[in-house]
C-alpha atoms as a PDB file:
ATOM      1  CA  UNK A   1      -6.269-174.442 -50.418  1.00  0.00           C
ATOM      2  CA  UNK A   2      -4.762-177.607 -49.279  1.00  0.00           C
ATOM      3  CA  UNK A   3      -5.638-181.301 -49.927  1.00  0.00           C
ATOM      4  CA  UNK A   4      -6.663-181.772 -46.380  1.00  0.00           C
ATOM      5  CA  UNK A   5      -9.472-179.201 -46.418  1.00  0.00           C
ATOM      6  CA  UNK A   6     -13.367-180.017 -45.879  1.00  0.00           C
ATOM      7  CA  UNK A   7     -14.010-178.333 -49.412  1.00  0.00           C
ATOM      8  CA  UNK A   8     -11.496-180.584 -51.023  1.00  0.00           C
ATOM      9  CA  UNK A   9     -12.888-183.567 -49.621  1.00  0.00           C
ATOM     10  CA  UNK A  10     -16.715-182.918 -50.899  1.00  0.00           C
ATOM     11  CA  UNK A  11     -15.248-182.320 -54.099  1.00  0.00           C
ATOM     12  CA  UNK A  12     -13.578-185.333 -53.960  1.00  0.00           C
ATOM     13  CA  UNK A  13     -16.644-187.269 -52.949  1.00  0.00           C
ATOM     14  CA  UNK A  14     -18.714-185.683 -55.648  1.00  0.00           C
ATOM     15  CA  UNK A  15     -16.093-187.056 -58.058  1.00  0.00           C
ATOM     16  CA  UNK A  16     -16.238-190.461 -56.873  1.00  0.00           C
ATOM     17  CA  UNK A  17     -19.988-190.147 -56.557  1.00  0.00           C
ATOM     18  CA  UNK A  18     -20.180-188.987 -60.143  1.00  0.00           C
ATOM     19  CA  UNK A  19     -19.938-192.790 -61.915  1.00  0.00           C
ATOM     20  CA  UNK A  20     -23.367-193.345 -60.103  1.00  0.00           C
ATOM     21  CA  UNK A  21     -25.853-190.671 -62.151  1.00  0.00           C
ATOM     22  CA  UNK A  22     -25.553-193.046 -64.925  1.00  0.00           C
ATOM     23  CA  UNK A  23     -27.561-195.480 -62.692  1.00  0.00           C
ATOM     24  CA  UNK A  24     -29.691-192.588 -60.808  1.00  0.00           C
ATOM     25  CA  UNK A  25     -30.817-190.789 -64.103  1.00  0.00           C
ATOM     26  CA  UNK A  26     -32.718-193.929 -65.533  1.00  0.00           C
ATOM     27  CA  UNK A  27     -33.721-195.416 -62.380  1.00  0.00           C
ATOM     28  CA  UNK A  28     -35.509-192.210 -61.431  1.00  0.00           C
ATOM     29  CA  UNK A  29     -36.969-192.058 -64.808  1.00  0.00           C
ATOM     30  CA  UNK A  30     -38.493-195.499 -64.193  1.00  0.00           C
ATOM     31  CA  UNK A  31     -39.880-194.485 -60.881  1.00  0.00           C
ATOM     32  CA  UNK A  32     -41.549-191.517 -62.509  1.00  0.00           C
ATOM     33  CA  UNK A  33     -42.990-193.654 -65.223  1.00  0.00           C
ATOM     34  CA  UNK A  34     -44.118-196.638 -63.363  1.00  0.00           C
ATOM     35  CA  UNK A  35     -45.736-194.181 -60.606  1.00  0.00           C
ATOM     36  CA  UNK A  36     -47.590-192.226 -63.427  1.00  0.00           C
ATOM     37  CA  UNK A  37     -48.751-195.637 -64.523  1.00  0.00           C
ATOM     38  CA  UNK A  38     -50.065-196.387 -61.315  1.00  0.00           C
ATOM     39  CA  UNK A  39     -52.275-193.412 -61.228  1.00  0.00           C
ATOM     40  CA  UNK A  40     -50.158-190.902 -59.152  1.00  0.00           C
ATOM     41  CA  UNK A  41     -50.513-187.266 -60.027  1.00  0.00           C
ATOM     42  CA  UNK A  42     -47.130-185.313 -60.584  1.00  0.00           C
ATOM     43  CA  UNK A  43     -47.046-183.419 -57.021  1.00  0.00           C
ATOM     44  CA  UNK A  44     -47.681-186.723 -55.803  1.00  0.00           C
ATOM     45  CA  UNK A  45     -44.833-188.679 -57.365  1.00  0.00           C
ATOM     46  CA  UNK A  46     -42.386-185.895 -56.272  1.00  0.00           C
ATOM     47  CA  UNK A  47     -43.405-185.851 -52.834  1.00  0.00           C
ATOM     48  CA  UNK A  48     -42.936-189.506 -52.601  1.00  0.00           C
ATOM     49  CA  UNK A  49     -39.650-189.390 -54.036  1.00  0.00           C
ATOM     50  CA  UNK A  50     -38.355-186.342 -52.103  1.00  0.00           C
ATOM     51  CA  UNK A  51     -39.520-187.603 -48.946  1.00  0.00           C
ATOM     52  CA  UNK A  52     -38.679-191.032 -49.203  1.00  0.00           C
ATOM     53  CA  UNK A  53     -35.461-190.952 -51.200  1.00  0.00           C
ATOM     54  CA  UNK A  54     -34.685-194.598 -50.975  1.00  0.00           C
ATOM     55  CA  UNK A  55     -35.298-196.040 -54.605  1.00  0.00           C
ATOM     56  CA  UNK A  56     -35.497-199.734 -53.701  1.00  0.00           C
ATOM     57  CA  UNK A  57     -38.027-199.010 -50.646  1.00  0.00           C
ATOM     58  CA  UNK A  58     -40.209-196.702 -53.262  1.00  0.00           C
ATOM     59  CA  UNK A  59     -40.072-199.615 -55.814  1.00  0.00           C
ATOM     60  CA  UNK A  60     -41.342-201.950 -53.399  1.00  0.00           C
ATOM     61  CA  UNK A  61     -44.349-199.972 -51.921  1.00  0.00           C
ATOM     62  CA  UNK A  62     -45.392-198.771 -55.627  1.00  0.00           C
ATOM     63  CA  UNK A  63     -45.252-202.458 -56.911  1.00  0.00           C
ATOM     64  CA  UNK A  64     -47.402-203.779 -53.514  1.00  0.00           C
ATOM     65  CA  UNK A  65     -49.845-200.571 -54.068  1.00  0.00           C
ATOM     66  CA  UNK A  66     -50.393-201.791 -57.840  1.00  0.00           C
ATOM     67  CA  UNK A  67     -51.210-205.463 -56.380  1.00  0.00           C
ATOM     68  CA  UNK A  68     -53.686-204.090 -54.044  1.00  0.00           C
ATOM     69  CA  UNK A  69     -51.377-205.234 -51.129  1.00  0.00           C
ATOM     70  CA  UNK A  70     -52.889-204.592 -47.670  1.00  0.00           C
ATOM     71  CA  UNK A  71     -51.652-200.854 -46.259  1.00  0.00           C
ATOM     72  CA  UNK A  72     -50.002-202.921 -43.247  1.00  0.00           C
ATOM     73  CA  UNK A  73     -48.068-205.050 -45.994  1.00  0.00           C
ATOM     74  CA  UNK A  74     -46.728-202.016 -48.063  1.00  0.00           C
ATOM     75  CA  UNK A  75     -45.357-200.592 -45.169  1.00  0.00           C
ATOM     76  CA  UNK A  76     -43.493-203.483 -43.564  1.00  0.00           C
ATOM     77  CA  UNK A  77     -42.197-204.298 -46.714  1.00  0.00           C
ATOM     78  CA  UNK A  78     -40.537-201.012 -47.136  1.00  0.00           C
ATOM     79  CA  UNK A  79     -39.631-200.684 -43.606  1.00  0.00           C
ATOM     80  CA  UNK A  80     -37.566-204.160 -44.203  1.00  0.00           C
ATOM     81  CA  UNK A  81     -36.266-202.756 -47.535  1.00  0.00           C
ATOM     82  CA  UNK A  82     -34.858-199.943 -45.756  1.00  0.00           C
ATOM     83  CA  UNK A  83     -33.849-202.006 -42.608  1.00  0.00           C
ATOM     84  CA  UNK A  84     -30.483-202.277 -44.322  1.00  0.00           C
ATOM     85  CA  UNK A  85     -29.898-198.718 -43.576  1.00  0.00           C
ATOM     86  CA  UNK A  86     -30.239-199.217 -40.062  1.00  0.00           C
ATOM     87  CA  UNK A  87     -27.123-201.333 -40.380  1.00  0.00           C
ATOM     88  CA  UNK A  88     -25.228-198.495 -42.784  1.00  0.00           C
ATOM     89  CA  UNK A  89     -26.011-196.114 -39.938  1.00  0.00           C
ATOM     90  CA  UNK A  90     -24.261-198.198 -37.260  1.00  0.00           C
ATOM     91  CA  UNK A  91     -21.535-198.926 -39.758  1.00  0.00           C
ATOM     92  CA  UNK A  92     -21.126-195.236 -40.289  1.00  0.00           C
ATOM     93  CA  UNK A  93     -21.686-194.147 -36.643  1.00  0.00           C
ATOM     94  CA  UNK A  94     -17.972-194.457 -35.534  1.00  0.00           C
ATOM     95  CA  UNK A  95     -16.976-191.986 -38.269  1.00  0.00           C
ATOM     96  CA  UNK A  96     -19.571-189.304 -38.291  1.00  0.00           C
ATOM     97  CA  UNK A  97     -21.044-189.995 -34.717  1.00  0.00           C
ATOM     98  CA  UNK A  98     -18.989-186.641 -33.284  1.00  0.00           C
ATOM     99  CA  UNK A  99     -20.519-184.282 -35.892  1.00  0.00           C
ATOM    100  CA  UNK A 100     -23.288-181.819 -35.048  1.00  0.00           C
ATOM    101  CA  UNK A 101     -27.162-182.771 -34.879  1.00  0.00           C
ATOM    102  CA  UNK A 102     -27.946-181.230 -37.772  1.00  0.00           C
ATOM    103  CA  UNK A 103     -25.286-182.373 -40.247  1.00  0.00           C
ATOM    104  CA  UNK A 104     -26.111-186.204 -38.880  1.00  0.00           C
ATOM    105  CA  UNK A 105     -29.880-185.499 -39.524  1.00  0.00           C
ATOM    106  CA  UNK A 106     -29.108-184.847 -42.899  1.00  0.00           C
ATOM    107  CA  UNK A 107     -26.774-187.679 -43.504  1.00  0.00           C
ATOM    108  CA  UNK A 108     -29.449-189.674 -42.300  1.00  0.00           C
ATOM    109  CA  UNK A 109     -31.478-188.556 -44.952  1.00  0.00           C
ATOM    110  CA  UNK A 110     -29.142-188.986 -47.673  1.00  0.00           C
ATOM    111  CA  UNK A 111     -27.776-191.962 -46.455  1.00  0.00           C
ATOM    112  CA  UNK A 112     -28.142-194.423 -49.532  1.00  0.00           C
ATOM    113  CA  UNK A 113     -26.446-197.470 -50.899  1.00  0.00           C
ATOM    114  CA  UNK A 114     -24.138-195.267 -52.919  1.00  0.00           C
ATOM    115  CA  UNK A 115     -23.160-192.726 -50.378  1.00  0.00           C
ATOM    116  CA  UNK A 116     -22.741-195.740 -47.676  1.00  0.00           C
ATOM    117  CA  UNK A 117     -20.541-197.782 -50.027  1.00  0.00           C
ATOM    118  CA  UNK A 118     -18.250-194.738 -51.129  1.00  0.00           C
ATOM    119  CA  UNK A 119     -17.617-193.436 -47.706  1.00  0.00           C
ATOM    120  CA  UNK A 120     -17.531-196.450 -45.537  1.00  0.00           C
ATOM    121  CA  UNK A 121     -14.540-197.419 -48.202  1.00  0.00           C
ATOM    122  CA  UNK A 122     -12.852-193.866 -47.832  1.00  0.00           C
ATOM    123  CA  UNK A 123     -12.890-193.584 -44.171  1.00  0.00           C
ATOM    124  CA  UNK A 124     -11.577-197.311 -43.808  1.00  0.00           C
ATOM    125  CA  UNK A 125      -8.246-196.624 -45.912  1.00  0.00           C
ATOM    126  CA  UNK A 126      -8.017-192.937 -44.907  1.00  0.00           C
ATOM    127  CA  UNK A 127      -8.192-193.226 -41.142  1.00  0.00           C
ATOM    128  CA  UNK A 128      -6.438-190.089 -40.450  1.00  0.00           C
ATOM    129  CA  UNK A 129      -9.597-187.863 -42.050  1.00  0.00           C
ATOM    130  CA  UNK A 130     -11.396-185.639 -39.451  1.00  0.00           C
ATOM    131  CA  UNK A 131     -15.204-185.733 -38.568  1.00  0.00           C
ATOM    132  CA  UNK A 132     -15.710-182.475 -40.466  1.00  0.00           C
ATOM    133  CA  UNK A 133     -13.513-183.873 -43.320  1.00  0.00           C
ATOM    134  CA  UNK A 134     -15.677-187.149 -43.413  1.00  0.00           C
ATOM    135  CA  UNK A 135     -18.765-185.536 -43.365  1.00  0.00           C
ATOM    136  CA  UNK A 136     -17.861-183.253 -46.471  1.00  0.00           C
ATOM    137  CA  UNK A 137     -17.017-186.153 -48.491  1.00  0.00           C
ATOM    138  CA  UNK A 138     -20.442-187.870 -47.360  1.00  0.00           C
ATOM    139  CA  UNK A 139     -22.045-184.998 -48.530  1.00  0.00           C
ATOM    140  CA  UNK A 140     -20.197-184.834 -51.444  1.00  0.00           C
ATOM    141  CA  UNK A 141     -20.859-188.314 -52.626  1.00  0.00           C
ATOM    142  CA  UNK A 142     -24.506-187.477 -52.844  1.00  0.00           C
ATOM    143  CA  UNK A 143     -24.015-183.991 -54.529  1.00  0.00           C
ATOM    144  CA  UNK A 144     -24.700-185.103 -57.923  1.00  0.00           C
ATOM    145  CA  UNK A 145     -26.971-188.190 -57.481  1.00  0.00           C
ATOM    146  CA  UNK A 146     -29.592-186.531 -55.371  1.00  0.00           C
ATOM    147  CA  UNK A 147     -30.184-183.529 -57.890  1.00  0.00           C
ATOM    148  CA  UNK A 148     -30.452-186.299 -60.580  1.00  0.00           C
ATOM    149  CA  UNK A 149     -32.561-188.928 -58.702  1.00  0.00           C
ATOM    150  CA  UNK A 150     -35.255-185.727 -58.448  1.00  0.00           C
ATOM    151  CA  UNK A 151     -35.007-184.608 -61.978  1.00  0.00           C
ATOM    152  CA  UNK A 152     -34.815-188.278 -63.689  1.00  0.00           C
ATOM    153  CA  UNK A 153     -37.957-188.447 -61.434  1.00  0.00           C
ATOM    154  CA  UNK A 154     -39.616-185.562 -62.971  1.00  0.00           C
ATOM    155  CA  UNK A 155     -38.795-186.112 -66.114  1.00  0.00           C
ATOM    156  CA  UNK A 156     -40.358-189.475 -65.845  1.00  0.00           C
ATOM    157  CA  UNK A 157     -43.457-188.477 -64.379  1.00  0.00           C
ATOM    158  CA  UNK A 158     -43.966-185.768 -67.085  1.00  0.00           C
ATOM    159  CA  UNK A 159     -43.029-188.512 -69.773  1.00  0.00           C
ATOM    160  CA  UNK A 160     -45.323-191.146 -68.439  1.00  0.00           C
ATOM    161  CA  UNK A 161     -45.716-194.162 -70.880  1.00  0.00           C
ATOM    162  CA  UNK A 162     -44.464-192.057 -73.644  1.00  0.00           C
ATOM    163  CA  UNK A 163     -40.748-193.176 -72.926  1.00  0.00           C
ATOM    164  CA  UNK A 164     -40.068-196.232 -75.385  1.00  0.00           C
ATOM    165  CA  UNK A 165     -39.534-199.555 -73.957  1.00  0.00           C
ATOM    166  CA  UNK A 166     -36.618-199.888 -75.922  1.00  0.00           C
ATOM    167  CA  UNK A 167     -34.861-197.430 -73.371  1.00  0.00           C
ATOM    168  CA  UNK A 168     -34.960-200.481 -70.949  1.00  0.00           C
ATOM    169  CA  UNK A 169     -34.896-198.098 -68.155  1.00  0.00           C
ATOM    170  CA  UNK A 170     -35.403-200.945 -65.563  1.00  0.00           C
ATOM    171  CA  UNK A 171     -31.726-201.989 -66.051  1.00  0.00           C
ATOM    172  CA  UNK A 172     -30.792-199.727 -63.804  1.00  0.00           C
ATOM    173  CA  UNK A 173     -31.576-201.339 -60.254  1.00  0.00           C
ATOM    174  CA  UNK A 174     -29.656-204.572 -60.949  1.00  0.00           C
ATOM    175  CA  UNK A 175     -26.656-203.371 -62.470  1.00  0.00           C
ATOM    176  CA  UNK A 176     -26.852-200.403 -59.646  1.00  0.00           C
ATOM    177  CA  UNK A 177     -26.734-203.351 -56.822  1.00  0.00           C
ATOM    178  CA  UNK A 178     -24.325-205.460 -58.402  1.00  0.00           C
ATOM    179  CA  UNK A 179     -21.901-202.783 -58.605  1.00  0.00           C
ATOM    180  CA  UNK A 180     -22.091-202.081 -55.193  1.00  0.00           C
ATOM    181  CA  UNK A 181     -22.475-205.298 -53.360  1.00  0.00           C
ATOM    182  CA  UNK A 182     -20.019-206.990 -55.543  1.00  0.00           C
ATOM    183  CA  UNK A 183     -16.646-205.443 -54.253  1.00  0.00           C
ATOM    184  CA  UNK A 184     -18.315-205.580 -50.874  1.00  0.00           C
ATOM    185  CA  UNK A 185     -18.153-209.400 -50.411  1.00  0.00           C
ATOM    186  CA  UNK A 186     -14.538-209.413 -49.134  1.00  0.00           C
ATOM    187  CA  UNK A 187     -15.108-212.092 -46.220  1.00  0.00           C
ATOM    188  CA  UNK A 188     -16.185-215.403 -45.925  1.00  0.00           C
ATOM    189  CA  UNK A 189     -19.204-214.052 -43.954  1.00  0.00           C
ATOM    190  CA  UNK A 190     -20.369-211.735 -46.677  1.00  0.00           C
ATOM    191  CA  UNK A 191     -20.195-214.431 -49.365  1.00  0.00           C
ATOM    192  CA  UNK A 192     -22.353-216.929 -47.034  1.00  0.00           C
ATOM    193  CA  UNK A 193     -25.191-214.197 -46.260  1.00  0.00           C
ATOM    194  CA  UNK A 194     -25.086-213.398 -50.132  1.00  0.00           C
ATOM    195  CA  UNK A 195     -25.296-217.088 -51.157  1.00  0.00           C
ATOM    196  CA  UNK A 196     -27.648-217.888 -48.397  1.00  0.00           C
ATOM    197  CA  UNK A 197     -29.875-215.025 -49.300  1.00  0.00           C
ATOM    198  CA  UNK A 198     -29.865-215.817 -52.700  1.00  0.00           C
ATOM    199  CA  UNK A 199     -30.733-219.472 -52.411  1.00  0.00           C
ATOM    200  CA  UNK A 200     -33.820-218.558 -50.274  1.00  0.00           C
ATOM    201  CA  UNK A 201     -34.926-215.884 -52.605  1.00  0.00           C
ATOM    202  CA  UNK A 202     -35.192-218.771 -55.141  1.00  0.00           C
ATOM    203  CA  UNK A 203     -37.135-221.004 -53.141  1.00  0.00           C
ATOM    204  CA  UNK A 204     -39.336-218.404 -51.429  1.00  0.00           C
ATOM    205  CA  UNK A 205     -40.194-216.718 -55.018  1.00  0.00           C
ATOM    206  CA  UNK A 206     -43.989-217.977 -54.615  1.00  0.00           C
ATOM    207  CA  UNK A 207     -44.572-216.159 -51.287  1.00  0.00           C
ATOM    208  CA  UNK A 208     -47.071-213.532 -52.164  1.00  0.00           C
ATOM    209  CA  UNK A 209     -46.072-209.975 -52.519  1.00  0.00           C
ATOM    210  CA  UNK A 210     -42.645-210.266 -52.932  1.00  0.00           C
ATOM    211  CA  UNK A 211     -42.340-211.211 -49.016  1.00  0.00           C
ATOM    212  CA  UNK A 212     -39.786-214.081 -49.916  1.00  0.00           C
ATOM    213  CA  UNK A 213     -37.213-211.467 -50.832  1.00  0.00           C
ATOM    214  CA  UNK A 214     -37.513-210.032 -47.041  1.00  0.00           C
ATOM    215  CA  UNK A 215     -37.183-213.371 -45.509  1.00  0.00           C
ATOM    216  CA  UNK A 216     -34.097-213.945 -48.052  1.00  0.00           C
ATOM    217  CA  UNK A 217     -32.518-211.078 -46.271  1.00  0.00           C
ATOM    218  CA  UNK A 218     -33.055-212.017 -42.742  1.00  0.00           C
ATOM    219  CA  UNK A 219     -31.754-215.466 -43.785  1.00  0.00           C
ATOM    220  CA  UNK A 220     -28.838-214.084 -45.272  1.00  0.00           C
ATOM    221  CA  UNK A 221     -27.991-211.595 -42.471  1.00  0.00           C
ATOM    222  CA  UNK A 222     -28.432-214.404 -39.721  1.00  0.00           C
ATOM    223  CA  UNK A 223     -26.498-216.979 -41.393  1.00  0.00           C
ATOM    224  CA  UNK A 224     -23.531-214.182 -42.141  1.00  0.00           C
ATOM    225  CA  UNK A 225     -23.755-213.514 -38.782  1.00  0.00           C
ATOM    226  CA  UNK A 226     -23.560-217.034 -37.274  1.00  0.00           C
ATOM    227  CA  UNK A 227     -20.438-217.365 -39.583  1.00  0.00           C
ATOM    228  CA  UNK A 228     -18.589-214.507 -38.129  1.00  0.00           C
ATOM    229  CA  UNK A 229     -19.374-215.960 -34.511  1.00  0.00           C
ATOM    230  CA  UNK A 230     -17.915-219.142 -35.589  1.00  0.00           C
ATOM    231  CA  UNK A 231     -14.896-217.997 -37.104  1.00  0.00           C
ATOM    232  CA  UNK A 232     -14.590-215.726 -34.143  1.00  0.00           C
ATOM    233  CA  UNK A 233     -14.805-218.682 -31.742  1.00  0.00           C
ATOM    234  CA  UNK A 234     -12.470-220.597 -33.527  1.00  0.00           C
ATOM    235  CA  UNK A 235      -9.662-217.422 -33.735  1.00  0.00           C
ATOM    236  CA  UNK A 236     -10.054-217.230 -29.953  1.00  0.00           C
ATOM    237  CA  UNK A 237      -9.007-221.274 -29.493  1.00  0.00           C
ATOM    238  CA  UNK A 238      -5.882-220.606 -31.752  1.00  0.00           C
END
């Protein structure tokens, strides 16, 4: 079969996404461990991780529940963390919007930082791809990540506190985000958004229930959007 078939693009996506299993495995294990320590039963942990499939939101909700935060705060915080996925969806819509509804529904469930970062980069550099090829590549990017995430969560839940602290599973989250975000800071508005968000996050560290991170995220997005508007106006005047 030729290199332009949907099957080829699926396997290409799987190969590109393979390195992220080094993050998904310990990240999933960490969630399983923390969920067990928080009092979740095995069925509850797996239902949570398979129905949500959003690591950052799962950790946010779990931490707030451990801190006995009000349910409304837990929901709002988890939703706020996941709002970035709405921006991902808007960014991918021009590439995947023509796909069948059932495929778009599956893609919405599997849309995570890794699948977005890989897919949008691939689609931008290969504009000649068809919709079916793009969708095949997108699904390929999560072909290994999703199962490894589930298995990692299962292993962590079964092992619980028996996993040695020396394994340092909590390294996965910051490493994953740095690996994905750093290459995407390609324009001045991106850098401004990251800088403002970082500064606000440090200043708002004392806000209860980690809400300072949400405030920082909104400030970063507003700063980046404003920078794009200013740059656009300057280009229009030249």
